Amino acid sequence: MRVSEDAAPGDVLATPVDPLTFEDGGWFAHLVRIYLTYEDEDRHAHWDSTHAFPISIAKRRQSRYLSGFYTNRKQRRSRAGPRWKVFLQ
């Protein structure tokens, strides 16, 4: 640990590292296909859940539409979660 703490940050980045690669095909190709499908379907849901419109509590209380809109966007990530768990199993 001391060696990495004492080294300059640039020295660590200059150390060559062999990349990890996998053969094209087999289980890894299947994993990639499933992940790409998940990513395409749920990327927007994750973005929506973390980038909510700034709708004040007062405005949400005045309008059922705004309240529902805000709540729906916040819950999209939880709906994507079960599909992600299936992907990981």
N, C-alpha and C. Protein backbone atom coordinates (compact mmCIF):
# COMPACT_ATOMS: atom_id res chain seq x y z
N MET A 1 0.83 -1.19 0.00
CA MET A 1 0.00 0.00 0.00
C MET A 1 0.87 1.25 0.00
N ARG A 2 1.93 1.23 0.78
CA ARG A 2 2.81 2.40 0.85
C ARG A 2 3.40 2.73 -0.52
N VAL A 3 3.72 1.70 -1.28
CA VAL A 3 4.32 1.93 -2.59
C VAL A 3 3.37 2.72 -3.47
N SER A 4 2.10 2.34 -3.48
CA SER A 4 1.15 3.08 -4.32
C SER A 4 0.85 4.46 -3.76
N GLU A 5 0.93 4.63 -2.44
CA GLU A 5 0.70 5.96 -1.85
C GLU A 5 1.87 6.89 -2.14
N ASP A 6 3.09 6.32 -2.14
CA ASP A 6 4.27 7.14 -2.35
C ASP A 6 4.50 7.47 -3.83
N ALA A 7 3.94 6.69 -4.73
CA ALA A 7 4.14 6.92 -6.16
C ALA A 7 3.35 8.14 -6.61
N ALA A 8 3.91 8.80 -7.61
CA ALA A 8 3.19 9.93 -8.20
C ALA A 8 1.99 9.39 -8.98
N PRO A 9 0.88 10.12 -9.04
CA PRO A 9 -0.31 9.62 -9.74
C PRO A 9 -0.04 9.22 -11.19
N GLY A 10 0.80 9.97 -11.87
CA GLY A 10 1.12 9.65 -13.27
C GLY A 10 1.85 8.34 -13.42
N ASP A 11 2.65 7.96 -12.40
CA ASP A 11 3.39 6.70 -12.47
C ASP A 11 2.44 5.51 -12.48
N VAL A 12 1.38 5.59 -11.72
CA VAL A 12 0.41 4.50 -11.67
C VAL A 12 -0.27 4.34 -13.03
N LEU A 13 -0.61 5.45 -13.67
CA LEU A 13 -1.27 5.40 -14.97
C LEU A 13 -0.34 4.95 -16.08
N ALA A 14 0.97 5.13 -15.90
CA ALA A 14 1.94 4.76 -16.93
C ALA A 14 2.23 3.26 -16.93
N THR A 15 1.82 2.54 -15.91
CA THR A 15 2.07 1.11 -15.82
C THR A 15 1.18 0.37 -16.82
N PRO A 16 1.80 -0.38 -17.76
CA PRO A 16 0.96 -1.11 -18.73
C PRO A 16 0.21 -2.26 -18.08
N VAL A 17 -1.03 -2.44 -18.49
CA VAL A 17 -1.87 -3.51 -17.96
C VAL A 17 -2.45 -4.27 -19.14
N ASP A 18 -2.42 -5.60 -19.06
CA ASP A 18 -3.02 -6.41 -20.11
C ASP A 18 -4.54 -6.34 -19.99
N PRO A 19 -5.24 -6.02 -21.08
CA PRO A 19 -6.71 -5.94 -21.01
C PRO A 19 -7.34 -7.32 -20.86
N LEU A 20 -8.48 -7.35 -20.23
CA LEU A 20 -9.25 -8.59 -20.13
C LEU A 20 -10.08 -8.72 -21.41
N THR A 21 -10.02 -9.88 -22.01
CA THR A 21 -10.82 -10.12 -23.20
C THR A 21 -11.51 -11.47 -23.08
N PHE A 22 -12.56 -11.64 -23.83
CA PHE A 22 -13.31 -12.89 -23.83
C PHE A 22 -13.47 -13.34 -25.27
N GLU A 23 -13.53 -14.64 -25.46
CA GLU A 23 -13.77 -15.16 -26.80
C GLU A 23 -15.17 -14.74 -27.26
N ASP A 24 -15.25 -14.45 -28.54
CA ASP A 24 -16.54 -14.06 -29.11
C ASP A 24 -17.40 -15.30 -29.29
N GLY A 25 -18.50 -15.35 -28.60
CA GLY A 25 -19.38 -16.51 -28.69
C GLY A 25 -19.59 -17.13 -27.32
N GLY A 26 -20.39 -18.17 -27.27
CA GLY A 26 -20.63 -18.87 -26.01
C GLY A 26 -21.42 -18.05 -25.02
N TRP A 27 -21.16 -18.30 -23.73
CA TRP A 27 -21.93 -17.66 -22.66
C TRP A 27 -21.74 -16.16 -22.64
N PHE A 28 -20.55 -15.67 -23.00
CA PHE A 28 -20.30 -14.24 -22.94
C PHE A 28 -21.11 -13.50 -24.00
N ALA A 29 -21.20 -14.07 -25.19
CA ALA A 29 -22.01 -13.44 -26.25
C ALA A 29 -23.47 -13.38 -25.82
N HIS A 30 -23.95 -14.44 -25.18
CA HIS A 30 -25.33 -14.46 -24.67
C HIS A 30 -25.51 -13.37 -23.62
N LEU A 31 -24.56 -13.23 -22.71
CA LEU A 31 -24.61 -12.21 -21.67
C LEU A 31 -24.64 -10.81 -22.29
N VAL A 32 -23.82 -10.59 -23.29
CA VAL A 32 -23.78 -9.28 -23.96
C VAL A 32 -25.12 -8.97 -24.62
N ARG A 33 -25.72 -9.95 -25.31
CA ARG A 33 -27.02 -9.73 -25.95
C ARG A 33 -28.08 -9.35 -24.93
N ILE A 34 -28.12 -10.08 -23.82
CA ILE A 34 -29.12 -9.79 -22.79
C ILE A 34 -28.90 -8.40 -22.20
N TYR A 35 -27.63 -8.07 -21.92
CA TYR A 35 -27.33 -6.76 -21.34
C TYR A 35 -27.71 -5.63 -22.29
N LEU A 36 -27.38 -5.78 -23.57
CA LEU A 36 -27.70 -4.72 -24.52
C LEU A 36 -29.20 -4.50 -24.64
N THR A 37 -29.98 -5.58 -24.57
CA THR A 37 -31.43 -5.45 -24.57
C THR A 37 -31.90 -4.69 -23.33
N TYR A 38 -31.37 -5.07 -22.18
CA TYR A 38 -31.73 -4.40 -20.93
C TYR A 38 -31.35 -2.92 -21.00
N GLU A 39 -30.13 -2.66 -21.48
CA GLU A 39 -29.65 -1.28 -21.53
C GLU A 39 -30.55 -0.43 -22.43
N ASP A 40 -30.91 -0.96 -23.60
CA ASP A 40 -31.77 -0.20 -24.51
C ASP A 40 -33.14 0.09 -23.89
N GLU A 41 -33.72 -0.89 -23.20
CA GLU A 41 -35.06 -0.73 -22.66
C GLU A 41 -35.10 0.13 -21.40
N ASP A 42 -34.06 0.07 -20.59
CA ASP A 42 -34.15 0.67 -19.26
C ASP A 42 -33.20 1.84 -19.00
N ARG A 43 -32.37 2.18 -19.97
CA ARG A 43 -31.46 3.32 -19.78
C ARG A 43 -32.24 4.60 -19.51
N HIS A 44 -33.30 4.81 -20.26
CA HIS A 44 -34.11 6.01 -20.10
C HIS A 44 -34.79 6.04 -18.72
N ALA A 45 -35.21 4.87 -18.25
CA ALA A 45 -35.86 4.80 -16.93
C ALA A 45 -34.88 5.20 -15.83
N HIS A 46 -33.64 4.75 -15.93
CA HIS A 46 -32.64 5.13 -14.92
C HIS A 46 -32.38 6.64 -14.98
N TRP A 47 -32.27 7.17 -16.19
CA TRP A 47 -32.01 8.60 -16.32
C TRP A 47 -33.18 9.40 -15.74
N ASP A 48 -34.40 9.01 -16.09
CA ASP A 48 -35.58 9.71 -15.58
C ASP A 48 -35.64 9.70 -14.05
N SER A 49 -35.29 8.58 -13.45
CA SER A 49 -35.41 8.47 -12.00
C SER A 49 -34.36 9.29 -11.27
N THR A 50 -33.25 9.60 -11.93
CA THR A 50 -32.20 10.38 -11.27
C THR A 50 -32.19 11.84 -11.70
N HIS A 51 -32.99 12.20 -12.70
CA HIS A 51 -33.03 13.57 -13.19
C HIS A 51 -34.48 14.07 -13.22
N ALA A 52 -35.08 14.13 -12.07
CA ALA A 52 -36.48 14.56 -11.99
C ALA A 52 -36.59 16.07 -12.22
N PHE A 53 -37.72 16.47 -12.80
CA PHE A 53 -37.97 17.89 -12.96
C PHE A 53 -38.15 18.52 -11.58
N PRO A 54 -37.64 19.73 -11.39
CA PRO A 54 -37.80 20.38 -10.09
C PRO A 54 -39.22 20.93 -9.92
N ILE A 55 -40.13 20.08 -9.53
CA ILE A 55 -41.52 20.49 -9.29
C ILE A 55 -41.69 20.64 -7.78
N SER A 56 -42.02 21.83 -7.36
CA SER A 56 -42.11 22.09 -5.92
C SER A 56 -43.24 21.29 -5.28
N ILE A 57 -43.13 21.09 -3.99
CA ILE A 57 -44.16 20.37 -3.24
C ILE A 57 -45.49 21.11 -3.33
N ALA A 58 -45.43 22.44 -3.27
CA ALA A 58 -46.66 23.24 -3.34
C ALA A 58 -47.38 23.01 -4.67
N LYS A 59 -46.64 22.99 -5.77
CA LYS A 59 -47.26 22.77 -7.08
C LYS A 59 -47.78 21.35 -7.20
N ARG A 60 -47.06 20.39 -6.63
CA ARG A 60 -47.53 19.00 -6.67
C ARG A 60 -48.82 18.84 -5.87
N ARG A 61 -48.96 19.58 -4.80
CA ARG A 61 -50.18 19.51 -3.99
C ARG A 61 -51.36 20.15 -4.71
N GLN A 62 -51.09 21.13 -5.54
CA GLN A 62 -52.16 21.83 -6.26
C GLN A 62 -52.64 21.04 -7.48
N SER A 63 -51.77 20.24 -8.06
CA SER A 63 -52.11 19.56 -9.31
C SER A 63 -51.89 18.06 -9.21
N ARG A 64 -52.96 17.31 -9.41
CA ARG A 64 -52.83 15.84 -9.40
C ARG A 64 -51.95 15.38 -10.56
N TYR A 65 -52.07 16.08 -11.69
CA TYR A 65 -51.25 15.71 -12.86
C TYR A 65 -49.76 15.84 -12.53
N LEU A 66 -49.36 16.98 -11.99
CA LEU A 66 -47.95 17.19 -11.66
C LEU A 66 -47.48 16.21 -10.59
N SER A 67 -48.33 15.94 -9.62
CA SER A 67 -47.98 14.98 -8.58
C SER A 67 -47.76 13.59 -9.16
N GLY A 68 -48.69 13.17 -10.02
CA GLY A 68 -48.56 11.85 -10.66
C GLY A 68 -47.36 11.78 -11.58
N PHE A 69 -47.13 12.85 -12.33
CA PHE A 69 -45.99 12.90 -13.25
C PHE A 69 -44.68 12.76 -12.48
N TYR A 70 -44.55 13.53 -11.41
CA TYR A 70 -43.34 13.50 -10.59
C TYR A 70 -43.13 12.11 -9.97
N THR A 71 -44.18 11.54 -9.41
CA THR A 71 -44.09 10.23 -8.77
C THR A 71 -43.75 9.15 -9.79
N ASN A 72 -44.38 9.21 -10.95
CA ASN A 72 -44.13 8.21 -11.99
C ASN A 72 -42.67 8.22 -12.43
N ARG A 73 -42.11 9.40 -12.62
CA ARG A 73 -40.71 9.48 -13.03
C ARG A 73 -39.78 8.93 -11.96
N LYS A 74 -40.08 9.19 -10.70
CA LYS A 74 -39.23 8.70 -9.62
C LYS A 74 -39.30 7.18 -9.49
N GLN A 75 -40.42 6.58 -9.88
CA GLN A 75 -40.60 5.13 -9.70
C GLN A 75 -40.14 4.31 -10.89
N ARG A 76 -39.73 4.94 -11.97
CA ARG A 76 -39.33 4.18 -13.16
C ARG A 76 -38.14 3.28 -12.88
N ARG A 77 -37.21 3.75 -12.05
CA ARG A 77 -36.03 2.94 -11.75
C ARG A 77 -36.43 1.67 -11.01
N SER A 78 -37.37 1.76 -10.08
CA SER A 78 -37.78 0.57 -9.33
C SER A 78 -38.45 -0.44 -10.24
N ARG A 79 -39.09 0.02 -11.30
CA ARG A 79 -39.70 -0.91 -12.25
C ARG A 79 -38.65 -1.59 -13.11
N ALA A 80 -37.54 -0.91 -13.37
CA ALA A 80 -36.46 -1.51 -14.15
C ALA A 80 -35.67 -2.51 -13.31
N GLY A 81 -35.69 -2.34 -12.00
CA GLY A 81 -34.91 -3.19 -11.11
C GLY A 81 -35.18 -4.68 -11.23
N PRO A 82 -36.45 -5.14 -11.25
CA PRO A 82 -36.70 -6.57 -11.38
C PRO A 82 -36.13 -7.17 -12.66
N ARG A 83 -36.18 -6.43 -13.77
CA ARG A 83 -35.59 -6.95 -15.01
C ARG A 83 -34.08 -7.07 -14.88
N TRP A 84 -33.45 -6.14 -14.17
CA TRP A 84 -32.01 -6.19 -13.95
C TRP A 84 -31.66 -7.41 -13.10
N LYS A 85 -32.47 -7.70 -12.08
CA LYS A 85 -32.21 -8.87 -11.23
C LYS A 85 -32.32 -10.16 -12.03
N VAL A 86 -33.29 -10.23 -12.94
CA VAL A 86 -33.42 -11.41 -13.80
C VAL A 86 -32.19 -11.55 -14.68
N PHE A 87 -31.70 -10.44 -15.19
CA PHE A 87 -30.50 -10.46 -16.03
C PHE A 87 -29.31 -11.02 -15.26
N LEU A 88 -29.16 -10.65 -14.01
CA LEU A 88 -28.00 -11.08 -13.22
C LEU A 88 -28.08 -12.53 -12.78
N GLN A 89 -29.26 -13.15 -12.81
CA GLN A 89 -29.37 -14.54 -12.36
C GLN A 89 -29.01 -15.52 -13.45
